[in-house]
Each structure stands twice: as C-alpha cells, then as structure tokens.
C-alpha cells in the first residue's frame, strides 16, 4: 500500500490516477480517501488526481499524541503529500474539515496552489464567541462519544445529524454506503481529531485578516440545507477577494457524494478558469 511519511513521522495512505494538472482532494471528518471516488473517476480523465486518508484515519497512521492533531499538522500534510509525489502546484479541493485545511494551505503556501476549493466549510465559525464555545463543547462531547462507543455505533450516531438528512432521504443507498465506510474508521482516531482539531482550530472569523489577503482562486460551494455552513460560506465570499460562491439547492453537508455531478461541474469551471489565469479577483468600482 502506498504511503507518504510526514516530517513528524506519520504515514499517510494515498491513491492517485490520471495525468495532467494536479488535484489533491482533502476529505471531511466523517470521510476518508474513498469518498472522493466520484471526483477521482471524473477528473482523472484530464488531471493527475490524488486522494489520501488524513492522520487518524486508517490505513493512514493513528498516532496517540494529541499534539499531532493540530490544524498546522493537517495543513502541512497536504504539502507533504505533494512533495513526496513531486507535485509543484495543485488544485487543493477540501470538504468540511478538509476545506478548512485547504484554506490554511492557500494562506500559508499560495505558490503551491493552482486553486483552492472550500466545500461545506465553516462549522463552528461565528462572530459570536458564545456560539463558538458552544460548538467547541459539542466537538468535545463528540470526542467522548467516539471513545465510549464502537466505531459502528459512533458512525451511525454521527451520520444521522440534521445536515445529512437530505442525503439520507434522497439517496438511501448512497447514505448507507457512506455510513458503512465511516464505520470502518478508528474510534480513537475520531476522538483525537474531534478533541484537538475540531475543538481547537481557529474560526474563519479568527482568520479574517489572512483571508482578506488570500491569493489563490477560491471556489466556495455549499448545500442550502447545510445549516452549519451556509452563513460561513457567504462570509467567505464577502471576505476573500478571489472567492466565487456556488449554492446547491436541496442539498446537505455531504455534498461531494450527495450531488457529485453538480459538484464536479462547479470544479470543472474553476479548474478551467484558474488554469487559464482567468479566475479574477473582485474589483470594486
């Protein structure tokens, strides 16, 4: 099985397919490298596509040191994968937890990004400190839940949240497959990610000064039933000078697999425009 080893010694499993401009897919909290399959199949026809499981997600390593699960580690893992595969620049496509990481890559390493996509981004972000702490407390409780239950039970509970009901109702087979994949993860890995990344990372509002200077082309895409992330996505569109916003109707948080054709179509436009140098910053009159 192919792995990349990061500077702090964590082994990350990856897959790649296709040739052309590079795309690196960064998965959400409930997902792993496999959940990008609709995108891998589509874009490998024209691009070099890479998907990997993040630290804490088998078959990548699940280190037990909490300090190995901070946001900067996840950010630098994207660069570690690119370096190991000799990829100079890539479209960095992130979903949810992975979207936050993709933004951090765009801020810290803009020269490595052809473009950045932030899909379903912004859980836990609010201008209200009280709401931020409430969401962090929920993350800590979720960490406890994963420690207390089997991965199968944890996946069933977590995936039955309000922002995933649209997939559950419109695509029961796809939803069942998603839950099954999550049930094959590590409950300790999920607890460590919740307690140390989700509950401690900076909010989008904490990042405002950096976001206002964001350089790479940015696509923000969100489902209109993803209540965690709609306001945050609009905030990104208004804050980041290179941002374009796509809102997909009647769609929840699991947008990449719930509506893969619509998601892929939005990426197609971003990739083409960014590669031509025509995804321009907003200009005021």
Protein backbone atom coordinates (compact mmCIF):
# COMPACT_ATOMS: atom_id res chain seq x y z
CA UNK A 1 0.00 0.00 0.00
CA UNK A 2 1.49 3.39 -0.96
CA UNK A 3 2.23 5.75 1.90
CA UNK A 4 3.86 9.15 2.36
CA UNK A 5 5.75 9.86 5.59
CA UNK A 6 5.38 13.36 7.03
CA UNK A 7 8.11 15.36 8.78
CA UNK A 8 6.71 14.30 12.17
CA UNK A 9 6.77 10.61 11.23
CA UNK A 10 3.09 9.97 10.42
CA UNK A 11 2.43 7.67 7.47
CA UNK A 12 -0.40 8.76 5.16
CA UNK A 13 -2.02 6.36 2.72
CA UNK A 14 -2.76 7.77 -0.74
CA UNK A 15 -4.04 6.85 -4.17
CA UNK A 16 -3.51 8.63 -7.48
CA UNK A 17 -4.88 8.36 -11.00
CA UNK A 18 -4.64 10.23 -14.29
CA UNK A 19 -2.25 12.72 -15.82
CA UNK A 20 -2.33 16.48 -16.31
CA UNK A 21 -2.59 19.39 -13.86
CA UNK A 22 -2.62 18.02 -10.32
CA UNK A 23 -5.63 17.90 -7.98
CA UNK A 24 -5.32 16.97 -4.29
CA UNK A 25 -8.56 16.02 -2.52
CA UNK A 26 -8.78 16.56 1.27
CA UNK A 27 -11.67 14.73 2.93
CA UNK A 28 -14.13 15.72 5.64
CA UNK A 29 -14.31 14.47 9.24
CA UNK A 30 -16.72 11.59 8.53
CA UNK A 31 -14.95 10.52 5.35
CA UNK A 32 -11.67 9.08 4.04
CA UNK A 33 -9.81 8.78 0.74
CA UNK A 34 -12.59 6.60 -0.74
CA UNK A 35 -15.31 9.21 -0.54
CA UNK A 36 -13.69 11.18 -3.37
CA UNK A 37 -14.30 8.32 -5.82
CA UNK A 38 -16.91 10.24 -7.90
CA UNK A 39 -14.35 13.02 -8.35
CA UNK A 40 -11.39 10.70 -8.94
CA UNK A 41 -13.20 8.87 -11.74
CA UNK A 42 -14.34 12.08 -13.39
CA UNK A 43 -11.23 14.24 -13.15
CA UNK A 44 -8.62 11.51 -13.73
CA UNK A 45 -9.62 11.74 -17.40
CA UNK A 46 -7.97 15.16 -17.59
CA UNK A 47 -5.95 15.68 -14.40
CA UNK A 48 -3.50 13.95 -12.09
CA UNK A 49 -5.74 13.23 -9.11
CA UNK A 50 -4.53 12.40 -5.61
CA UNK A 51 -6.68 11.36 -2.65
CA UNK A 52 -5.37 10.39 0.78
CA UNK A 53 -6.59 9.48 4.23
CA UNK A 54 -5.67 12.06 6.83
CA UNK A 55 -3.84 11.27 10.05
CA UNK A 56 -6.13 9.38 12.40
CA UNK A 57 -7.87 7.58 9.51
CA UNK A 58 -6.75 4.04 8.60
CA UNK A 59 -5.00 2.90 6.50
CA UNK A 60 -3.04 6.03 7.47
CA UNK A 61 -1.43 6.06 10.90
CA UNK A 62 -3.44 6.82 14.05
CA UNK A 63 -0.88 8.40 16.38
CA UNK A 64 -1.89 8.72 20.02
CA UNK A 65 -0.13 12.02 20.79
CA UNK A 66 -2.80 14.78 20.87
CA UNK A 67 -0.26 17.36 19.70
CA UNK A 68 -0.09 15.55 16.36
CA UNK A 69 -3.70 16.55 15.59
CA UNK A 70 -3.44 20.34 15.47
CA UNK A 71 -4.52 22.35 12.44
CA UNK A 72 -1.00 23.21 11.26
CA UNK A 73 -0.14 19.49 11.11
CA UNK A 74 -3.12 18.79 8.84
CA UNK A 75 -2.20 21.78 6.67
CA UNK A 76 1.38 20.62 6.26
CA UNK A 77 0.24 17.07 5.45
CA UNK A 78 -1.13 18.38 2.15
CA UNK A 79 2.28 19.77 1.29
CA UNK A 80 3.98 16.56 2.45
CA UNK A 81 1.84 14.55 0.02
CA UNK A 82 2.61 16.98 -2.80
CA UNK A 83 6.34 16.98 -2.06
CA UNK A 84 6.55 13.20 -1.90
CA UNK A 85 4.74 12.89 -5.24
CA UNK A 86 6.83 15.70 -6.78
CA UNK A 87 3.81 17.93 -7.35
CA UNK A 88 4.84 21.57 -7.54
CA UNK A 89 1.33 23.08 -7.78
CA UNK A 90 -2.17 21.62 -7.45
CA UNK A 91 -5.83 22.41 -7.23
CA UNK A 92 -6.43 21.79 -3.50
CA UNK A 93 -10.03 20.61 -3.02
CA UNK A 94 -11.24 20.32 0.56
CA UNK A 95 -14.57 19.34 2.07
CA UNK A 96 -15.69 20.48 5.55
CA UNK A 97 -12.75 19.73 7.89
CA UNK A 98 -10.68 19.34 4.74
CA UNK A 99 -11.99 22.67 3.44
CA UNK A 100 -10.62 24.48 6.48
CA UNK A 101 -7.31 22.74 5.89
CA UNK A 102 -7.38 23.75 2.20
CA UNK A 103 -7.87 27.39 3.22
CA UNK A 104 -4.86 27.16 5.52
CA UNK A 105 -2.82 25.73 2.66
CA UNK A 106 -3.89 28.64 0.45
CA UNK A 107 -2.90 31.13 3.14
CA UNK A 108 0.48 29.59 4.05
CA UNK A 109 1.51 28.15 0.68
CA UNK A 110 -0.25 30.17 -2.07
CA UNK A 111 2.57 29.41 -4.51
CA UNK A 112 1.67 25.70 -4.32
CA UNK A 113 -1.99 26.24 -5.28
CA UNK A 114 -3.45 26.49 -8.77
CA UNK A 115 -6.76 26.97 -6.96
CA UNK A 116 -8.47 26.15 -3.67
CA UNK A 117 -11.98 24.76 -3.12
CA UNK A 118 -13.76 25.07 0.23
CA UNK A 119 -16.88 22.87 0.18
CA UNK A 120 -19.22 22.72 3.17
CA UNK A 121 -16.82 24.94 5.12
CA UNK A 122 -17.31 26.79 8.37
CA UNK A 123 -18.69 24.52 11.10
CA UNK A 124 -18.04 26.20 14.44
CA UNK A 125 -17.34 29.63 12.93
CA UNK A 126 -19.36 32.56 14.21
CA UNK A 127 -18.75 36.20 15.12
CA UNK A 128 -20.41 35.36 18.46
CA UNK A 129 -17.84 33.94 20.94
CA UNK A 130 -20.63 32.21 22.88
CA UNK A 131 -21.71 30.25 19.79
CA UNK A 132 -18.09 29.36 19.04
CA UNK A 133 -17.63 27.91 22.50
CA UNK A 134 -20.92 26.02 22.21
CA UNK A 135 -19.73 24.35 19.02
CA UNK A 136 -16.36 23.53 20.58
CA UNK A 137 -18.18 21.95 23.51
CA UNK A 138 -20.19 19.83 21.05
CA UNK A 139 -16.93 18.71 19.43
CA UNK A 140 -15.52 17.71 22.82
CA UNK A 141 -18.70 15.75 23.57
CA UNK A 142 -18.46 14.03 20.20
CA UNK A 143 -14.91 13.05 21.08
CA UNK A 144 -16.18 11.46 24.27
CA UNK A 145 -18.93 9.71 22.32
CA UNK A 146 -16.42 8.08 19.97
CA UNK A 147 -14.28 6.94 22.90
CA UNK A 148 -17.31 5.42 24.63
CA UNK A 149 -18.78 3.54 21.66
CA UNK A 150 -17.72 1.17 18.95
CA UNK A 151 -16.90 2.78 15.63
CA UNK A 152 -20.02 1.22 14.12
CA UNK A 153 -22.29 2.84 16.70
CA UNK A 154 -20.38 6.12 16.59
CA UNK A 155 -20.73 6.29 12.81
CA UNK A 156 -24.45 5.57 12.98
CA UNK A 157 -24.99 8.32 15.55
CA UNK A 158 -22.76 10.90 13.90
CA UNK A 159 -24.05 10.41 10.36
CA UNK A 160 -27.68 10.81 11.47
CA UNK A 161 -27.19 14.51 12.19
CA UNK A 162 -29.53 17.19 10.80
CA UNK A 163 -27.30 18.32 7.91
CA UNK A 164 -27.11 14.79 6.44
CA UNK A 165 -30.83 14.11 6.32
CA UNK A 166 -31.20 15.27 2.72
CA UNK A 167 -28.81 12.58 1.51
CA UNK A 168 -30.46 10.01 3.77
CA UNK A 169 -33.86 10.81 2.25
CA UNK A 170 -32.98 11.33 -1.42
CA UNK A 171 -30.27 8.65 -1.72
CA UNK A 172 -30.69 5.95 0.96
CA UNK A 173 -28.25 3.61 -0.80
CA UNK A 174 -25.54 6.26 -1.03
CA UNK A 175 -26.15 7.30 2.57
CA UNK A 176 -25.89 3.69 3.78
CA UNK A 177 -22.62 3.26 1.90
CA UNK A 178 -21.25 6.46 3.46
CA UNK A 179 -22.13 5.27 6.99
CA UNK A 180 -20.55 1.88 6.31
CA UNK A 181 -17.30 3.49 5.20
CA UNK A 182 -17.19 5.65 8.32
CA UNK A 183 -17.86 2.58 10.50
CA UNK A 184 -14.55 1.14 9.26
CA UNK A 185 -12.55 4.02 10.78
CA UNK A 186 -10.79 4.23 14.16
CA UNK A 187 -12.91 5.46 17.06
CA UNK A 188 -9.73 6.63 18.84
CA UNK A 189 -8.65 8.49 15.72
CA UNK A 190 -12.03 10.19 15.50
CA UNK A 191 -11.90 11.15 19.17
CA UNK A 192 -8.42 12.65 18.81
CA UNK A 193 -9.39 14.63 15.71
CA UNK A 194 -12.54 15.96 17.40
CA UNK A 195 -10.79 16.92 20.63
CA UNK A 196 -7.69 18.51 19.13
CA UNK A 197 -8.53 19.74 15.64
CA UNK A 198 -12.26 20.39 15.59
CA UNK A 199 -12.47 21.76 19.13
CA UNK A 200 -9.32 23.94 18.93
CA UNK A 201 -8.82 25.19 15.36
CA UNK A 202 -9.25 28.91 14.59
CA UNK A 203 -12.62 30.03 13.28
CA UNK A 204 -12.98 31.73 9.91
CA UNK A 205 -13.51 34.98 11.77
CA UNK A 206 -10.20 34.48 13.59
CA UNK A 207 -8.61 34.19 10.12
CA UNK A 208 -10.24 37.31 8.66
CA UNK A 209 -7.06 39.38 8.19
CA UNK A 210 -5.40 36.47 6.36
CA UNK A 211 -8.50 35.70 4.30
CA UNK A 212 -8.65 39.30 3.06
CA UNK A 213 -5.17 38.77 1.59
CA UNK A 214 -5.95 35.34 0.11
CA UNK A 215 -4.22 34.91 -3.26
CA UNK A 216 -5.25 31.64 -5.00
CA UNK A 217 -8.54 31.37 -6.90
CA UNK A 218 -11.15 30.17 -4.40
CA UNK A 219 -14.38 28.28 -5.05
CA UNK A 220 -16.79 28.18 -2.11
CA UNK A 221 -19.56 25.61 -2.56
CA UNK A 222 -22.29 24.67 -0.10
CA UNK A 223 -25.66 22.93 0.01
CA UNK A 224 -28.55 25.14 1.06
CA UNK A 225 -29.62 22.60 3.70
CA UNK A 226 -26.16 22.62 5.29
CA UNK A 227 -27.18 24.92 8.13
CA UNK A 228 -23.72 24.67 9.72
CA UNK A 229 -22.06 26.25 6.73
CA UNK A 230 -24.34 28.49 4.64
CA UNK A 231 -23.64 31.70 6.58
CA UNK A 232 -19.94 30.88 6.78
CA UNK A 233 -19.81 30.31 3.03
CA UNK A 234 -21.42 33.68 2.36
CA UNK A 235 -18.90 35.22 4.77
CA UNK A 236 -16.04 33.68 2.78
CA UNK A 237 -17.49 35.04 -0.48
CA UNK A 238 -17.64 38.53 1.02
CA UNK A 239 -14.20 38.37 2.65
CA UNK A 240 -11.89 36.59 0.21
CA UNK A 241 -11.08 38.74 -2.86
CA UNK A 242 -10.74 35.70 -5.16
CA UNK A 243 -13.84 33.85 -3.95
CA UNK A 244 -16.75 32.65 -6.05
CA UNK A 245 -19.79 31.06 -4.40
CA UNK A 246 -21.99 28.19 -5.57
CA UNK A 247 -25.07 27.23 -3.52
CA UNK A 248 -26.63 23.88 -4.45
CA UNK A 249 -30.35 23.69 -3.64
CA UNK A 250 -31.96 20.92 -1.59
CA UNK A 251 -28.56 19.57 -0.58
CA UNK A 252 -26.92 18.97 2.78
CA UNK A 253 -23.42 18.64 4.16
CA UNK A 254 -22.33 15.53 2.26
CA UNK A 255 -22.37 17.49 -0.98
CA UNK A 256 -19.50 15.72 -2.78
CA UNK A 257 -21.30 12.37 -2.83
CA UNK A 258 -24.88 13.61 -2.46
CA UNK A 259 -24.73 15.69 -5.67
CA UNK A 260 -21.48 14.65 -7.40
CA UNK A 261 -22.50 15.84 -10.88
CA UNK A 262 -23.27 19.36 -9.68
CA UNK A 263 -20.15 19.42 -7.52
CA UNK A 264 -17.97 18.22 -10.38
CA UNK A 265 -19.46 20.76 -12.78
CA UNK A 266 -18.52 23.58 -10.42
CA UNK A 267 -14.98 22.22 -10.12
CA UNK A 268 -14.73 21.93 -13.91
CA UNK A 269 -15.36 25.65 -14.30
CA UNK A 270 -12.93 26.59 -11.53
CA UNK A 271 -10.15 24.37 -12.89
CA UNK A 272 -10.51 25.65 -16.44
CA UNK A 273 -10.62 29.31 -15.44
CA UNK A 274 -7.77 29.02 -12.94
CA UNK A 275 -5.56 27.17 -15.39
CA UNK A 276 -6.19 29.91 -17.99
CA UNK A 277 -5.48 32.63 -15.44
CA UNK A 278 -8.99 33.98 -15.84
CA UNK A 279 -10.46 33.40 -12.36
CA UNK A 280 -10.07 37.03 -11.37
CA UNK A 281 -10.27 38.86 -8.07
CA UNK A 282 -13.30 41.02 -7.32
CA UNK A 283 -12.83 44.62 -8.34
CA UNK A 284 -14.70 47.50 -6.82
CA UNK A 285 -15.73 50.43 -8.98
